[in-house]
């Protein structure tokens, strides 16, 4: 084996098998392989039929995404290398037909397993089936491949989130993975839900727990030395390729970008000083491809799979406070169309739970019920309470991560970086030490606007004018309300005139400070 072989040449002539290709990361992985490894032989992609769409029809819709525009423009025939395989990781033998199974076992040498349920509050049994049993089935298929070289499994940096310091190694869990799979097979759903709290322990949800179980399943399956595990932290939009800011998933911080930009989210629980360990989606994808290359070309037959923590270095930390400020800045600079409320241009994050609950009552629930009441009177469909229930559920899922910080070791990732050629470091980059967070969050905001909300840039001037008009009306109404209150107090002599003047002075100073300290008024360079 040529240890100095470029990665694109390494993948030339090889056939790959991908799961989860209809998901956010799976799509990016497929596009990256087609664009940066153009001489790959075949790519078998497992796709389940959905509603009235057959697997090949779902694959065609994937290629219609803006994500693939660049690679298809460069090589229109690249789609011919991709073969849709009808199947489902939740079915026995992944639901793959005998004919497809025969082709996969004969051709495939590298497996990338991306399929998983990323819902934090998934029912326990469903999470086990999606995140653990699917791994077991991929392992069994890999063992049957005649040319098998390496299995790359996509995990999460939060698989052991109950630990503050996480190394690139396995940690013991409280159950044998095979025993848990057996329990899931014969126990009722109700029994599994009753069992869940005792097994979850310090895990905040079923997602992180089942991811840790899946990793330990990979530890003892007979091909440990031919297994790579990549653990990304919070995966966000693309950094560089194929375009900055691309995303099509509502998971993770996308919900914050939308609800903040639409003016709905006014406050959230979190520490400004806690690290928001975001990682652009193209970074773990490149690391997966590089990890497979190293495992095959420089295999040392270790007894355990190689693990890569895909997180940001301490030298380029990004904090939840930074995110809050940048969301405020971008909500003003690049507003989303038709905001439900005027976006809040000040900091909206606090670690105080009591304060957060009170702010939720006064800033979210009371306005929501008030407006919905007005809508009912006008015989229109109420919607704000329903929206805020969803936003509250989203925030509850994120709260565990917004008030904590972790330290991840990434020695394996650094060693991998060292042995890569300069060419491969550019093509398969995963070093985020040079990532400009100000620019990246702006691209992220624009990516959500373009690719998820499908809003047009030419509407920005109209949206800015709409917000300015609403702000002006709001200030006039507040001024009138204040005038009426003061007039009433003076008329009935409830308080002395001097106290009223002091109150007016206080309100004036408070408003001035709020205006000048508004991060939306500052240059972005001052936000970091």
Protein backbone atom coordinates (compact mmCIF):
# COMPACT_ATOMS: atom_id res chain seq x y z
CA UNK A 1 0.00 0.00 0.00
CA UNK A 2 1.30 3.46 -0.94
CA UNK A 3 1.23 5.45 2.32
CA UNK A 4 1.81 8.72 0.46
CA UNK A 5 -1.16 8.27 -1.86
CA UNK A 6 -3.39 11.33 -2.24
CA UNK A 7 -6.84 10.82 -0.86
CA UNK A 8 -8.61 11.40 -4.16
CA UNK A 9 -6.41 8.71 -5.73
CA UNK A 10 -7.02 6.42 -2.76
CA UNK A 11 -10.77 6.46 -3.41
CA UNK A 12 -10.32 5.99 -7.17
CA UNK A 13 -11.69 2.64 -8.31
CA UNK A 14 -13.24 1.82 -4.93
CA UNK A 15 -16.95 1.30 -4.32
CA UNK A 16 -18.60 2.77 -1.23
CA UNK A 17 -21.77 2.12 0.76
CA UNK A 18 -23.53 5.05 2.48
CA UNK A 19 -26.44 5.16 4.91
CA UNK A 20 -28.30 8.30 5.95
CA UNK A 21 -27.78 9.95 2.58
CA UNK A 22 -31.17 11.70 2.74
CA UNK A 23 -30.09 13.43 5.96
CA UNK A 24 -28.15 16.66 6.39
CA UNK A 25 -24.69 15.15 6.81
CA UNK A 26 -25.28 12.28 4.42
CA UNK A 27 -26.03 14.66 1.56
CA UNK A 28 -22.86 16.66 2.23
CA UNK A 29 -20.81 13.45 2.35
CA UNK A 30 -22.21 12.26 -0.99
CA UNK A 31 -21.56 15.63 -2.65
CA UNK A 32 -18.01 15.79 -1.29
CA UNK A 33 -17.14 12.32 -2.58
CA UNK A 34 -18.49 13.08 -6.06
CA UNK A 35 -16.65 16.41 -6.24
CA UNK A 36 -13.31 15.64 -4.58
CA UNK A 37 -13.04 11.94 -5.43
CA UNK A 38 -14.34 11.94 -9.03
CA UNK A 39 -12.76 8.60 -9.95
CA UNK A 40 -14.64 6.62 -7.31
CA UNK A 41 -16.15 3.52 -8.92
CA UNK A 42 -19.65 3.25 -7.42
CA UNK A 43 -21.54 4.71 -4.49
CA UNK A 44 -24.36 2.55 -3.16
CA UNK A 45 -26.77 4.66 -1.10
CA UNK A 46 -29.39 3.10 1.16
CA UNK A 47 -32.70 4.95 0.78
CA UNK A 48 -36.06 3.87 2.13
CA UNK A 49 -39.25 4.42 0.16
CA UNK A 50 -41.21 7.34 1.60
CA UNK A 51 -44.88 8.04 1.03
CA UNK A 52 -45.37 7.80 -2.74
CA UNK A 53 -41.69 8.26 -3.63
CA UNK A 54 -39.47 5.35 -4.60
CA UNK A 55 -35.76 5.36 -3.60
CA UNK A 56 -34.53 6.42 -7.05
CA UNK A 57 -37.06 9.27 -7.04
CA UNK A 58 -35.86 10.45 -3.65
CA UNK A 59 -32.29 10.31 -4.93
CA UNK A 60 -33.28 12.44 -7.93
CA UNK A 61 -34.78 15.04 -5.59
CA UNK A 62 -31.52 15.11 -3.63
CA UNK A 63 -29.60 15.92 -6.79
CA UNK A 64 -32.01 18.80 -7.44
CA UNK A 65 -30.76 20.49 -4.25
CA UNK A 66 -28.54 23.61 -4.63
CA UNK A 67 -25.92 21.58 -2.75
CA UNK A 68 -25.19 19.52 -5.88
CA UNK A 69 -25.34 22.35 -8.44
CA UNK A 70 -21.56 22.83 -8.49
CA UNK A 71 -20.54 19.20 -8.87
CA UNK A 72 -23.20 18.49 -11.52
CA UNK A 73 -22.10 21.56 -13.46
CA UNK A 74 -18.50 20.31 -13.39
CA UNK A 75 -19.41 16.71 -14.21
CA UNK A 76 -22.97 16.02 -15.34
CA UNK A 77 -22.28 12.27 -15.47
CA UNK A 78 -21.29 12.02 -11.81
CA UNK A 79 -24.85 10.98 -10.91
CA UNK A 80 -24.36 7.76 -12.86
CA UNK A 81 -21.94 6.54 -10.19
CA UNK A 82 -24.61 6.70 -7.50
CA UNK A 83 -26.83 3.62 -7.15
CA UNK A 84 -29.95 3.81 -4.99
CA UNK A 85 -30.57 0.74 -2.86
CA UNK A 86 -34.08 0.29 -1.50
CA UNK A 87 -33.87 -0.46 2.21
CA UNK A 88 -34.28 0.73 5.77
CA UNK A 89 -31.85 0.39 8.68
CA UNK A 90 -34.87 -0.36 10.92
CA UNK A 91 -35.73 -3.52 8.94
CA UNK A 92 -34.07 -6.96 9.30
CA UNK A 93 -31.03 -7.14 7.01
CA UNK A 94 -31.79 -3.44 6.39
CA UNK A 95 -34.54 -4.48 4.00
CA UNK A 96 -32.05 -4.93 1.16
CA UNK A 97 -33.05 -7.32 -1.64
CA UNK A 98 -30.93 -10.39 -2.41
CA UNK A 99 -29.86 -8.92 -5.75
CA UNK A 100 -28.71 -5.62 -4.22
CA UNK A 101 -27.07 -7.49 -1.36
CA UNK A 102 -25.09 -9.55 -3.83
CA UNK A 103 -23.77 -6.46 -5.63
CA UNK A 104 -22.88 -4.71 -2.37
CA UNK A 105 -21.04 -7.72 -0.94
CA UNK A 106 -19.12 -8.15 -4.19
CA UNK A 107 -18.17 -4.52 -4.87
CA UNK A 108 -18.03 -2.44 -1.69
CA UNK A 109 -14.85 -1.92 0.31
CA UNK A 110 -15.63 1.18 2.43
CA UNK A 111 -18.76 1.82 4.51
CA UNK A 112 -19.94 5.18 5.88
CA UNK A 113 -22.74 4.88 8.42
CA UNK A 114 -24.51 8.22 8.91
CA UNK A 115 -28.10 7.09 9.50
CA UNK A 116 -29.41 7.92 12.96
CA UNK A 117 -32.25 9.55 14.82
CA UNK A 118 -31.06 12.95 16.10
CA UNK A 119 -34.24 13.73 18.02
CA UNK A 120 -33.27 14.35 21.63
CA UNK A 121 -36.57 13.17 23.10
CA UNK A 122 -37.07 10.10 20.92
CA UNK A 123 -38.92 7.27 22.73
CA UNK A 124 -36.37 4.90 24.25
CA UNK A 125 -37.16 1.90 22.08
CA UNK A 126 -37.16 3.98 18.88
CA UNK A 127 -33.80 5.53 19.79
CA UNK A 128 -32.31 2.07 20.41
CA UNK A 129 -33.57 0.75 17.09
CA UNK A 130 -32.38 3.79 15.11
CA UNK A 131 -29.03 4.38 16.81
CA UNK A 132 -27.91 0.98 18.10
CA UNK A 133 -29.56 -1.82 16.15
CA UNK A 134 -28.84 -0.02 12.88
CA UNK A 135 -25.14 -0.14 13.77
CA UNK A 136 -25.40 -3.85 14.50
CA UNK A 137 -26.92 -4.43 11.06
CA UNK A 138 -24.27 -2.36 9.30
CA UNK A 139 -21.57 -4.38 11.10
CA UNK A 140 -23.10 -7.66 9.92
CA UNK A 141 -23.30 -6.41 6.33
CA UNK A 142 -19.70 -5.17 6.44
CA UNK A 143 -18.45 -8.58 7.58
CA UNK A 144 -19.98 -10.16 4.47
CA UNK A 145 -18.23 -7.80 2.04
CA UNK A 146 -15.46 -9.62 0.16
CA UNK A 147 -13.37 -6.47 -0.33
CA UNK A 148 -14.16 -4.83 3.01
CA UNK A 149 -11.50 -2.40 4.25
CA UNK A 150 -13.01 0.03 6.76
CA UNK A 151 -16.26 1.05 8.46
CA UNK A 152 -16.65 4.74 9.39
CA UNK A 153 -19.31 5.43 12.00
CA UNK A 154 -20.71 8.90 12.67
CA UNK A 155 -21.20 9.38 16.41
CA UNK A 156 -21.37 12.56 18.54
CA UNK A 157 -18.96 14.43 20.79
CA UNK A 158 -21.71 14.35 23.44
CA UNK A 159 -21.89 10.55 23.68
CA UNK A 160 -20.34 10.85 27.14
CA UNK A 161 -21.56 14.35 27.96
CA UNK A 162 -21.83 13.57 31.67
CA UNK A 163 -18.00 13.91 31.68
CA UNK A 164 -16.41 17.36 31.56
CA UNK A 165 -13.17 16.09 30.01
CA UNK A 166 -13.62 13.73 27.05
CA UNK A 167 -10.69 11.95 25.43
CA UNK A 168 -10.58 10.07 22.14
CA UNK A 169 -11.30 6.75 23.78
CA UNK A 170 -14.16 4.54 24.94
CA UNK A 171 -15.76 4.94 28.34
CA UNK A 172 -17.59 2.15 30.18
CA UNK A 173 -21.37 2.08 30.03
CA UNK A 174 -23.92 0.49 32.36
CA UNK A 175 -25.26 -2.14 30.00
CA UNK A 176 -24.11 -4.71 27.49
CA UNK A 177 -25.21 -3.43 24.05
CA UNK A 178 -26.33 -6.88 22.92
CA UNK A 179 -28.42 -7.33 26.07
CA UNK A 180 -30.09 -3.97 25.48
CA UNK A 181 -30.91 -4.97 21.89
CA UNK A 182 -32.43 -8.22 23.14
CA UNK A 183 -34.55 -6.33 25.68
CA UNK A 184 -35.76 -3.99 22.97
CA UNK A 185 -36.82 -7.00 20.91
CA UNK A 186 -39.12 -8.63 23.49
CA UNK A 187 -40.07 -5.88 25.94
CA UNK A 188 -43.17 -3.78 25.37
CA UNK A 189 -42.85 -0.05 24.67
CA UNK A 190 -44.27 0.72 28.12
CA UNK A 191 -41.71 -1.52 29.84
CA UNK A 192 -38.87 0.11 27.88
CA UNK A 193 -40.02 3.58 28.92
CA UNK A 194 -40.08 2.49 32.57
CA UNK A 195 -36.59 1.04 32.20
CA UNK A 196 -35.20 4.17 30.53
CA UNK A 197 -34.61 6.46 33.60
CA UNK A 198 -32.49 3.87 35.40
CA UNK A 199 -30.33 3.33 32.30
CA UNK A 200 -30.02 6.94 31.17
CA UNK A 201 -28.46 7.96 34.47
CA UNK A 202 -26.65 11.29 33.94
CA UNK A 203 -27.44 11.41 30.22
CA UNK A 204 -29.82 14.29 29.36
CA UNK A 205 -31.70 12.39 26.65
CA UNK A 206 -32.05 9.13 24.77
CA UNK A 207 -29.93 10.44 21.87
CA UNK A 208 -26.64 10.82 23.74
CA UNK A 209 -27.22 7.58 25.66
CA UNK A 210 -27.88 5.42 22.60
CA UNK A 211 -24.90 6.97 20.83
CA UNK A 212 -22.64 5.84 23.69
CA UNK A 213 -24.15 2.34 23.52
CA UNK A 214 -23.57 2.23 19.75
CA UNK A 215 -19.90 3.12 20.22
CA UNK A 216 -19.46 0.31 22.72
CA UNK A 217 -21.17 -2.08 20.32
CA UNK A 218 -18.44 -1.24 17.80
CA UNK A 219 -15.78 -2.07 20.38
CA UNK A 220 -16.32 -5.85 20.23
CA UNK A 221 -17.55 -6.94 16.82
CA UNK A 222 -14.55 -8.68 15.22
CA UNK A 223 -13.40 -5.87 12.88
CA UNK A 224 -12.35 -3.33 15.54
CA UNK A 225 -9.07 -2.49 13.84
CA UNK A 226 -10.96 -1.68 10.64
CA UNK A 227 -13.37 0.77 12.30
CA UNK A 228 -13.24 4.57 12.59
CA UNK A 229 -15.52 6.66 14.81
CA UNK A 230 -15.94 10.39 14.19
CA UNK A 231 -17.51 12.46 16.98
CA UNK A 232 -18.67 15.90 15.82
CA UNK A 233 -20.10 18.38 18.31
CA UNK A 234 -23.04 20.61 17.30
CA UNK A 235 -23.13 20.38 13.50
CA UNK A 236 -24.06 23.59 11.71
CA UNK A 237 -24.07 24.95 8.14
CA UNK A 238 -21.16 24.58 5.72
CA UNK A 239 -18.06 26.72 6.19
CA UNK A 240 -16.48 26.66 2.71
CA UNK A 241 -17.81 23.93 0.44
CA UNK A 242 -19.60 23.59 -1.77
CA UNK A 243 -20.90 27.04 -0.76
CA UNK A 244 -20.76 29.00 2.48
CA UNK A 245 -23.79 28.73 4.75
CA UNK A 246 -25.58 25.77 3.15
CA UNK A 247 -27.98 23.91 5.41
CA UNK A 248 -31.32 22.16 5.02
CA UNK A 249 -31.91 20.77 8.50
CA UNK A 250 -34.07 22.28 11.22
CA UNK A 251 -32.05 20.52 13.92
CA UNK A 252 -29.59 22.26 16.22
CA UNK A 253 -29.17 26.04 16.30
CA UNK A 254 -31.22 26.61 13.11
CA UNK A 255 -34.28 26.93 15.32
CA UNK A 256 -32.55 29.69 17.30
CA UNK A 257 -31.65 31.58 14.13
CA UNK A 258 -35.23 31.46 12.86
CA UNK A 259 -37.09 32.18 16.10
CA UNK A 260 -34.69 34.96 17.04
CA UNK A 261 -34.76 36.47 13.55
CA UNK A 262 -38.57 36.33 13.40
CA UNK A 263 -38.74 38.17 16.73
CA UNK A 264 -40.36 35.26 18.57
CA UNK A 265 -37.50 34.26 20.88
CA UNK A 266 -36.78 37.02 23.40
CA UNK A 267 -34.83 35.14 26.06
CA UNK A 268 -33.12 31.79 26.63
CA UNK A 269 -31.33 29.99 29.42
CA UNK A 270 -27.56 29.83 29.05
CA UNK A 271 -24.17 31.06 30.19
CA UNK A 272 -22.58 33.73 28.05
CA UNK A 273 -19.17 32.31 29.01
CA UNK A 274 -20.05 28.70 28.10
CA UNK A 275 -18.57 27.37 24.86
CA UNK A 276 -21.02 26.84 22.01
CA UNK A 277 -19.06 24.11 20.31
CA UNK A 278 -20.38 24.44 16.78
CA UNK A 279 -18.65 22.63 13.94
CA UNK A 280 -19.45 23.36 10.27
CA UNK A 281 -20.82 20.30 8.49
CA UNK A 282 -18.01 20.13 5.91
CA UNK A 283 -15.45 19.68 8.71
CA UNK A 284 -16.57 16.27 10.10
CA UNK A 285 -17.32 15.09 6.55
CA UNK A 286 -13.70 15.75 5.54
CA UNK A 287 -12.52 14.09 8.74
CA UNK A 288 -14.56 10.96 7.96
CA UNK A 289 -12.96 10.65 4.52
CA UNK A 290 -9.48 11.33 5.90
CA UNK A 291 -9.98 8.87 8.76
CA UNK A 292 -10.93 6.08 6.36
CA UNK A 293 -7.87 6.86 4.21
CA UNK A 294 -5.50 6.67 7.18
CA UNK A 295 -7.04 3.48 8.57
CA UNK A 296 -6.49 1.63 5.28
CA UNK A 297 -3.15 3.07 4.18
CA UNK A 298 -1.46 3.19 7.59
CA UNK A 299 -3.24 0.49 9.55
CA UNK A 300 -1.45 -0.57 12.74
CA UNK A 301 -3.98 -3.25 13.74
CA UNK A 302 -4.87 -1.72 17.07
CA UNK A 303 -7.34 -3.67 19.17
CA UNK A 304 -9.82 -0.78 19.31
CA UNK A 305 -11.42 1.47 16.69
CA UNK A 306 -9.77 4.82 16.07
CA UNK A 307 -11.78 7.72 17.50
CA UNK A 308 -11.65 11.34 16.34
CA UNK A 309 -13.21 14.08 18.45
CA UNK A 310 -14.35 16.66 15.89
CA UNK A 311 -14.57 19.82 17.98
CA UNK A 312 -13.15 23.33 17.93
CA UNK A 313 -9.74 24.04 19.48
CA UNK A 314 -9.54 26.17 22.63
CA UNK A 315 -7.56 28.72 20.59
CA UNK A 316 -10.72 29.57 18.64
CA UNK A 317 -13.50 29.23 21.20
CA UNK A 318 -16.98 30.41 20.36
CA UNK A 319 -19.30 31.25 23.25
CA UNK A 320 -23.07 31.26 23.66
CA UNK A 321 -22.76 34.94 24.49
CA UNK A 322 -21.05 35.48 21.12
CA UNK A 323 -23.91 33.67 19.40
CA UNK A 324 -26.52 35.78 21.18
CA UNK A 325 -24.82 39.02 20.15
CA UNK A 326 -24.26 37.92 16.55
CA UNK A 327 -27.85 36.72 16.18
CA UNK A 328 -28.96 40.16 17.35
CA UNK A 329 -26.62 41.89 14.93
CA UNK A 330 -27.66 39.79 11.93
CA UNK A 331 -31.36 40.07 12.77
CA UNK A 332 -30.96 43.81 12.25
CA UNK A 333 -28.44 43.79 9.38
CA UNK A 334 -30.04 40.92 7.42
CA UNK A 335 -33.61 40.62 8.72
CA UNK A 336 -35.76 37.62 7.94
CA UNK A 337 -38.92 38.32 5.94
CA UNK A 338 -42.20 39.10 7.70
CA UNK A 339 -41.07 38.80 11.33
CA UNK A 340 -43.90 37.98 13.74
CA UNK A 341 -42.54 40.53 16.24
CA UNK A 342 -39.85 43.18 16.10
CA UNK A 343 -36.58 41.25 16.66
CA UNK A 344 -34.86 41.87 19.98
CA UNK A 345 -31.56 43.66 19.37
CA UNK A 346 -30.12 43.15 22.84
CA UNK A 347 -28.63 40.17 24.67
CA UNK A 348 -31.20 37.48 25.39
CA UNK A 349 -29.26 34.85 27.31
CA UNK A 350 -29.00 34.41 31.09
CA UNK A 351 -27.94 31.51 33.38
CA UNK A 352 -30.52 32.46 36.04
CA UNK A 353 -33.38 29.96 35.84
CA UNK A 354 -35.81 32.08 37.87
CA UNK A 355 -35.14 35.09 35.69
CA UNK A 356 -35.55 32.95 32.59
CA UNK A 357 -38.93 31.63 33.76
CA UNK A 358 -40.16 35.14 34.58
CA UNK A 359 -38.98 36.46 31.23
CA UNK A 360 -40.75 33.59 29.50
CA UNK A 361 -43.97 34.55 31.26
CA UNK A 362 -43.78 38.27 30.52
CA UNK A 363 -41.99 38.22 27.15
CA UNK A 364 -43.51 35.08 25.63
CA UNK A 365 -46.60 33.62 27.29
CA UNK A 366 -48.53 36.80 28.18
CA UNK A 367 -48.08 38.36 24.69
CA UNK A 368 -48.90 35.00 23.06
CA UNK A 369 -52.15 34.48 24.96
CA UNK A 370 -53.08 38.16 24.49
CA UNK A 371 -52.59 38.13 20.72
CA UNK A 372 -54.32 34.75 20.36
CA UNK A 373 -57.26 36.15 22.32
CA UNK A 374 -57.47 39.08 19.90
CA UNK A 375 -57.27 36.67 16.95
CA UNK A 376 -60.15 34.62 18.37
CA UNK A 377 -62.26 37.75 18.77
CA UNK A 378 -61.47 38.60 15.14
CA UNK A 379 -62.48 35.01 14.24
CA UNK A 380 -59.02 34.14 13.03
CA UNK A 381 -56.99 31.06 13.85
CA UNK A 382 -54.80 31.53 16.97
CA UNK A 383 -51.18 30.55 16.48
CA UNK A 384 -48.82 32.27 18.91
CA UNK A 385 -49.38 29.95 21.88
CA UNK A 386 -48.84 26.96 19.60
CA UNK A 387 -45.62 28.48 18.28
CA UNK A 388 -44.31 29.22 21.75
CA UNK A 389 -45.02 25.68 22.94
CA UNK A 390 -42.74 24.42 20.14
CA UNK A 391 -40.10 27.05 20.94
CA UNK A 392 -40.26 26.13 24.62
CA UNK A 393 -39.73 22.46 23.75
CA UNK A 394 -36.73 23.39 21.57
CA UNK A 395 -35.18 25.48 24.35
CA UNK A 396 -35.74 22.70 26.91
CA UNK A 397 -33.72 20.34 24.69
CA UNK A 398 -30.88 22.87 24.36
CA UNK A 399 -30.75 24.03 27.99
CA UNK A 400 -28.45 21.20 29.08
CA UNK A 401 -25.87 22.28 26.49
CA UNK A 402 -26.17 26.07 26.83
CA UNK A 403 -25.21 26.15 30.52
CA UNK A 404 -22.22 23.78 30.36
CA UNK A 405 -18.76 23.61 28.81
CA UNK A 406 -16.65 20.59 27.93
CA UNK A 407 -13.02 19.94 27.13
CA UNK A 408 -12.37 17.46 24.32
CA UNK A 409 -8.95 16.02 23.53
CA UNK A 410 -8.19 15.79 19.80
CA UNK A 411 -4.72 14.24 19.62
CA UNK A 412 -5.78 11.72 16.96
CA UNK A 413 -7.17 14.50 14.79
CA UNK A 414 -3.93 16.47 15.13
CA UNK A 415 -1.82 13.44 14.25
CA UNK A 416 -3.95 12.81 11.18
CA UNK A 417 -3.48 16.41 10.10
CA UNK A 418 0.30 16.04 10.34
CA UNK A 419 0.57 13.10 7.94
CA UNK A 420 -1.65 14.64 5.25
CA UNK A 421 -0.10 16.26 2.19
CA UNK A 422 -0.51 19.99 1.66
CA UNK A 423 -2.86 19.25 -1.20
CA UNK A 424 -5.05 17.02 0.95
CA UNK A 425 -5.06 19.56 3.78
CA UNK A 426 -6.64 22.04 1.39
CA UNK A 427 -9.09 19.61 -0.16
CA UNK A 428 -10.06 17.66 2.98
CA UNK A 429 -9.65 20.43 5.57
CA UNK A 430 -10.86 19.95 9.14
CA UNK A 431 -8.77 22.46 11.09
CA UNK A 432 -11.12 25.18 12.41
CA UNK A 433 -8.46 27.24 14.18
CA UNK A 434 -8.69 29.86 11.40
CA UNK A 435 -12.49 29.98 11.23
CA UNK A 436 -13.79 33.57 11.44
CA UNK A 437 -16.89 33.21 13.64
CA UNK A 438 -18.29 36.65 12.81
CA UNK A 439 -18.28 35.88 9.08
CA UNK A 440 -19.40 32.30 9.63
CA UNK A 441 -22.49 33.19 11.70
CA UNK A 442 -23.42 35.79 9.07
CA UNK A 443 -23.16 33.08 6.38
CA UNK A 444 -25.15 30.72 8.62
CA UNK A 445 -27.88 33.33 9.00
CA UNK A 446 -27.99 33.86 5.23
CA UNK A 447 -27.98 30.11 4.63
CA UNK A 448 -31.06 29.68 6.81
CA UNK A 449 -32.70 32.58 4.97
CA UNK A 450 -31.90 31.18 1.50
CA UNK A 451 -32.01 27.40 1.80
CA UNK A 452 -34.49 26.73 4.61
CA UNK A 453 -36.88 29.68 4.55
CA UNK A 454 -36.38 30.22 0.77
CA UNK A 455 -36.40 34.00 1.17
CA UNK A 456 -35.10 36.33 -1.52
CA UNK A 457 -32.36 38.88 -0.97
CA UNK A 458 -34.18 41.56 -2.93
CA UNK A 459 -36.82 41.69 -0.17
CA UNK A 460 -34.29 42.93 2.41
CA UNK A 461 -34.92 46.69 1.87
CA UNK A 462 -38.69 46.21 2.25
CA UNK A 463 -38.23 44.12 5.39
CA UNK A 464 -35.94 46.74 6.94
CA UNK A 465 -38.53 49.46 6.21
CA UNK A 466 -41.29 47.30 7.69
CA UNK A 467 -39.31 46.82 10.90
CA UNK A 468 -38.47 50.54 11.12
CA UNK A 469 -42.15 51.44 10.74
CA UNK A 470 -43.13 48.97 13.44
CA UNK A 471 -40.42 50.34 15.74
CA UNK A 472 -41.66 53.89 15.18
CA UNK A 473 -45.26 52.90 15.89
CA UNK A 474 -44.14 50.99 18.99
CA UNK A 475 -42.26 54.03 20.35
CA UNK A 476 -45.24 56.32 19.69
CA UNK A 477 -47.63 53.96 21.46
CA UNK A 478 -45.27 53.58 24.42
CA UNK A 479 -44.90 57.34 24.60
CA UNK A 480 -48.67 57.84 24.56
CA UNK A 481 -49.11 55.18 27.23
CA UNK A 482 -46.49 56.82 29.43
CA UNK A 483 -48.11 60.25 28.90
CA UNK A 484 -51.54 58.92 29.89
CA UNK A 485 -50.13 57.30 33.02
CA UNK A 486 -48.32 60.48 34.08
CA UNK A 487 -51.34 62.65 33.25
CA UNK A 488 -53.57 60.43 35.37
CA UNK A 489 -51.16 60.56 38.29
CA UNK A 490 -50.90 64.36 38.12
CA UNK A 491 -54.68 64.78 37.84
CA UNK A 492 -55.39 62.75 40.95
CA UNK A 493 -52.24 63.75 42.84
CA UNK A 494 -51.36 60.13 43.68
CA UNK A 495 -47.66 61.03 43.85
CA UNK A 496 -45.72 64.24 44.07
CA UNK A 497 -44.58 66.05 40.97
CA UNK A 498 -40.94 65.72 42.03
CA UNK A 499 -41.24 61.92 42.17
CA UNK A 500 -42.80 61.93 38.72
CA UNK A 501 -39.94 64.02 37.34
CA UNK A 502 -37.44 61.61 38.88
CA UNK A 503 -39.29 58.68 37.30
CA UNK A 504 -39.26 60.42 33.92
CA UNK A 505 -35.53 61.11 34.24
CA UNK A 506 -34.92 57.46 35.12
CA UNK A 507 -36.92 56.25 32.10
CA UNK A 508 -35.03 58.64 29.81
CA UNK A 509 -31.60 57.52 31.09
CA UNK A 510 -32.64 53.86 30.93
CA UNK A 511 -33.83 54.22 27.34
CA UNK A 512 -30.63 56.02 26.33
CA UNK A 513 -28.43 53.34 27.87
CA UNK A 514 -30.51 50.58 26.26
CA UNK A 515 -30.11 52.27 22.89
CA UNK A 516 -26.37 52.80 23.04
CA UNK A 517 -25.64 49.41 24.57
CA UNK A 518 -27.73 47.65 21.91
CA UNK A 519 -25.24 45.26 20.20
CA UNK A 520 -27.19 45.72 16.98
CA UNK A 521 -25.86 49.27 16.88
CA UNK A 522 -22.21 48.27 17.14
CA UNK A 523 -19.72 47.27 14.43
CA UNK A 524 -19.43 43.51 14.30
CA UNK A 525 -15.74 43.68 15.20
CA UNK A 526 -16.75 44.83 18.70
CA UNK A 527 -18.88 41.79 19.36
CA UNK A 528 -15.97 39.47 20.02
